[in-house]
C-alpha atoms as a PDB file:
ATOM      1  CA  MET A   1      40.650  54.421 -18.760  1.00  0.00           C
ATOM      2  CA  SER A   2      37.052  53.247 -19.105  1.00  0.00           C
ATOM      3  CA  SER A   3      35.868  51.093 -22.002  1.00  0.00           C
ATOM      4  CA  ASP A   4      33.873  54.080 -23.335  1.00  0.00           C
ATOM      5  CA  ASP A   5      37.060  56.182 -23.314  1.00  0.00           C
ATOM      6  CA  VAL A   6      38.899  53.457 -25.203  1.00  0.00           C
ATOM      7  CA  THR A   7      36.072  53.124 -27.754  1.00  0.00           C
ATOM      8  CA  ASN A   8      36.036  56.885 -28.291  1.00  0.00           C
ATOM      9  CA  MET A   9      39.799  56.972 -28.684  1.00  0.00           C
ATOM     10  CA  VAL A  10      39.883  54.171 -31.264  1.00  0.00           C
ATOM     11  CA  GLY A  11      37.081  55.695 -33.343  1.00  0.00           C
ATOM     12  CA  ASP A  12      37.685  54.870 -37.025  1.00  0.00           C
ATOM     13  CA  GLY A  13      41.142  53.463 -36.212  1.00  0.00           C
ATOM     14  CA  ASN A  14      42.779  55.190 -39.183  1.00  0.00           C
ATOM     15  CA  ALA A  15      45.538  56.949 -37.200  1.00  0.00           C
ATOM     16  CA  ARG A  16      48.429  55.360 -35.355  1.00  0.00           C
ATOM     17  CA  VAL A  17      50.491  56.926 -32.588  1.00  0.00           C
ATOM     18  CA  SER A  18      53.817  55.294 -31.732  1.00  0.00           C
ATOM     19  CA  VAL A  19      56.121  56.225 -28.856  1.00  0.00           C
ATOM     20  CA  SER A  20      59.472  54.544 -28.208  1.00  0.00           C
ATOM     21  CA  LEU A  21      61.953  54.971 -25.396  1.00  0.00           C
ATOM     22  CA  GLY A  22      65.307  53.384 -24.706  1.00  0.00           C
ATOM     23  CA  MET A  23      67.754  53.359 -21.804  1.00  0.00           C
ATOM     24  CA  ALA A  24      71.269  52.005 -21.741  1.00  0.00           C
ATOM     25  CA  GLU A  25      74.054  51.471 -19.241  1.00  0.00           C
ATOM     26  CA  LYS A  26      77.228  50.702 -21.143  1.00  0.00           C
ATOM     27  CA  ASP A  27      80.940  51.101 -20.643  1.00  0.00           C
ATOM     28  CA  PHE A  28      83.007  50.821 -23.837  1.00  0.00           C
ATOM     29  CA  GLY A  29      80.166  48.909 -25.499  1.00  0.00           C
ATOM     30  CA  ASN A  30      79.723  46.407 -22.661  1.00  0.00           C
ATOM     31  CA  GLY A  31      76.578  46.571 -20.613  1.00  0.00           C
ATOM     32  CA  TYR A  32      72.892  46.470 -21.211  1.00  0.00           C
ATOM     33  CA  ASP A  33      70.119  48.415 -22.841  1.00  0.00           C
ATOM     34  CA  ALA A  34      66.362  48.236 -22.888  1.00  0.00           C
ATOM     35  CA  HIS A  35      63.881  49.561 -25.425  1.00  0.00           C
ATOM     36  CA  VAL A  36      60.113  49.797 -25.231  1.00  0.00           C
ATOM     37  CA  SER A  37      57.752  50.802 -28.008  1.00  0.00           C
ATOM     38  CA  VAL A  38      54.000  51.341 -27.726  1.00  0.00           C
ATOM     39  CA  SER A  39      51.730  51.861 -30.739  1.00  0.00           C
ATOM     40  CA  LEU A  40      48.094  52.838 -30.373  1.00  0.00           C
ATOM     41  CA  THR A  41      45.499  52.949 -33.120  1.00  0.00           C
ATOM     42  CA  CYS A  42      43.034  55.791 -32.780  1.00  0.00           C
ATOM     43  CA  ASP A  43      40.625  58.126 -34.504  1.00  0.00           C
ATOM     44  CA  GLN A  44      42.120  60.836 -36.743  1.00  0.00           C
ATOM     45  CA  ASP A  45      40.738  63.687 -34.643  1.00  0.00           C
ATOM     46  CA  SER A  46      43.649  65.880 -33.473  1.00  0.00           C
ATOM     47  CA  LYS A  47      42.429  65.930 -29.844  1.00  0.00           C
ATOM     48  CA  ILE A  48      42.132  62.125 -29.814  1.00  0.00           C
ATOM     49  CA  ILE A  49      45.632  61.805 -31.302  1.00  0.00           C
ATOM     50  CA  GLU A  50      46.934  64.057 -28.523  1.00  0.00           C
ATOM     51  CA  ILE A  51      45.205  61.878 -25.896  1.00  0.00           C
ATOM     52  CA  ALA A  52      46.619  58.716 -27.519  1.00  0.00           C
ATOM     53  CA  PHE A  53      50.108  60.244 -27.513  1.00  0.00           C
ATOM     54  CA  GLU A  54      49.854  61.084 -23.815  1.00  0.00           C
ATOM     55  CA  ALA A  55      48.542  57.586 -23.020  1.00  0.00           C
ATOM     56  CA  ALA A  56      51.311  55.892 -25.037  1.00  0.00           C
ATOM     57  CA  SER A  57      53.940  58.153 -23.443  1.00  0.00           C
ATOM     58  CA  ASP A  58      52.708  57.272 -19.952  1.00  0.00           C
ATOM     59  CA  MET A  59      52.718  53.552 -20.761  1.00  0.00           C
ATOM     60  CA  VAL A  60      56.199  53.543 -22.277  1.00  0.00           C
ATOM     61  CA  SER A  61      57.595  55.559 -19.352  1.00  0.00           C
ATOM     62  CA  GLU A  62      56.333  52.979 -16.864  1.00  0.00           C
ATOM     63  CA  MET A  63      57.370  49.989 -18.971  1.00  0.00           C
ATOM     64  CA  ILE A  64      60.932  51.179 -19.598  1.00  0.00           C
ATOM     65  CA  LEU A  65      61.712  51.127 -15.891  1.00  0.00           C
ATOM     66  CA  GLU A  66      60.632  47.491 -15.642  1.00  0.00           C
ATOM     67  CA  ALA A  67      62.484  46.570 -18.838  1.00  0.00           C
ATOM     68  CA  ARG A  68      65.637  48.314 -17.619  1.00  0.00           C
ATOM     69  CA  GLY A  69      65.430  46.462 -14.302  1.00  0.00           C
ATOM     70  CA  ARG A  70      65.133  43.134 -16.095  1.00  0.00           C
ATOM     71  CA  ALA A  71      68.019  43.964 -18.435  1.00  0.00           C
ATOM     72  CA  GLU A  72      70.190  45.008 -15.490  1.00  0.00           C
ATOM     73  CA  ALA A  73      69.412  41.781 -13.602  1.00  0.00           C
ATOM     74  CA  LEU A  74      70.238  39.688 -16.668  1.00  0.00           C
ATOM     75  CA  TRP A  75      73.479  41.610 -17.226  1.00  0.00           C
ATOM     76  CA  ASP A  76      74.488  41.032 -13.593  1.00  0.00           C
ATOM     77  CA  GLU A  77      73.827  37.300 -14.057  1.00  0.00           C
ATOM     78  CA  VAL A  78      75.950  37.171 -17.197  1.00  0.00           C
ATOM     79  CA  ARG A  79      78.813  39.045 -15.539  1.00  0.00           C
ATOM     80  CA  LYS A  80      78.830  36.571 -12.618  1.00  0.00           C
ATOM     81  CA  GLU A  81      79.135  33.651 -15.051  1.00  0.00           C
ATOM     82  CA  ARG A  82      82.226  35.091 -16.718  1.00  0.00           C
END
């Protein structure tokens, strides 16, 4: 996204778009979970809000995979120490 695109998206900054996503791997309450939340401030124009939603959704989808991988690695470490 270019800086002009970002500037156009932010506009007056009076609207906020938030997208959250979580993943868990648990067995009887034991395991790990990861949650990612992205909030973007944007212009109140409905098209801009739609673009911000798509951008936040893309970001959170990529980030959750990394967060889940980190949570899984930490859980594996904890299990080995038990």
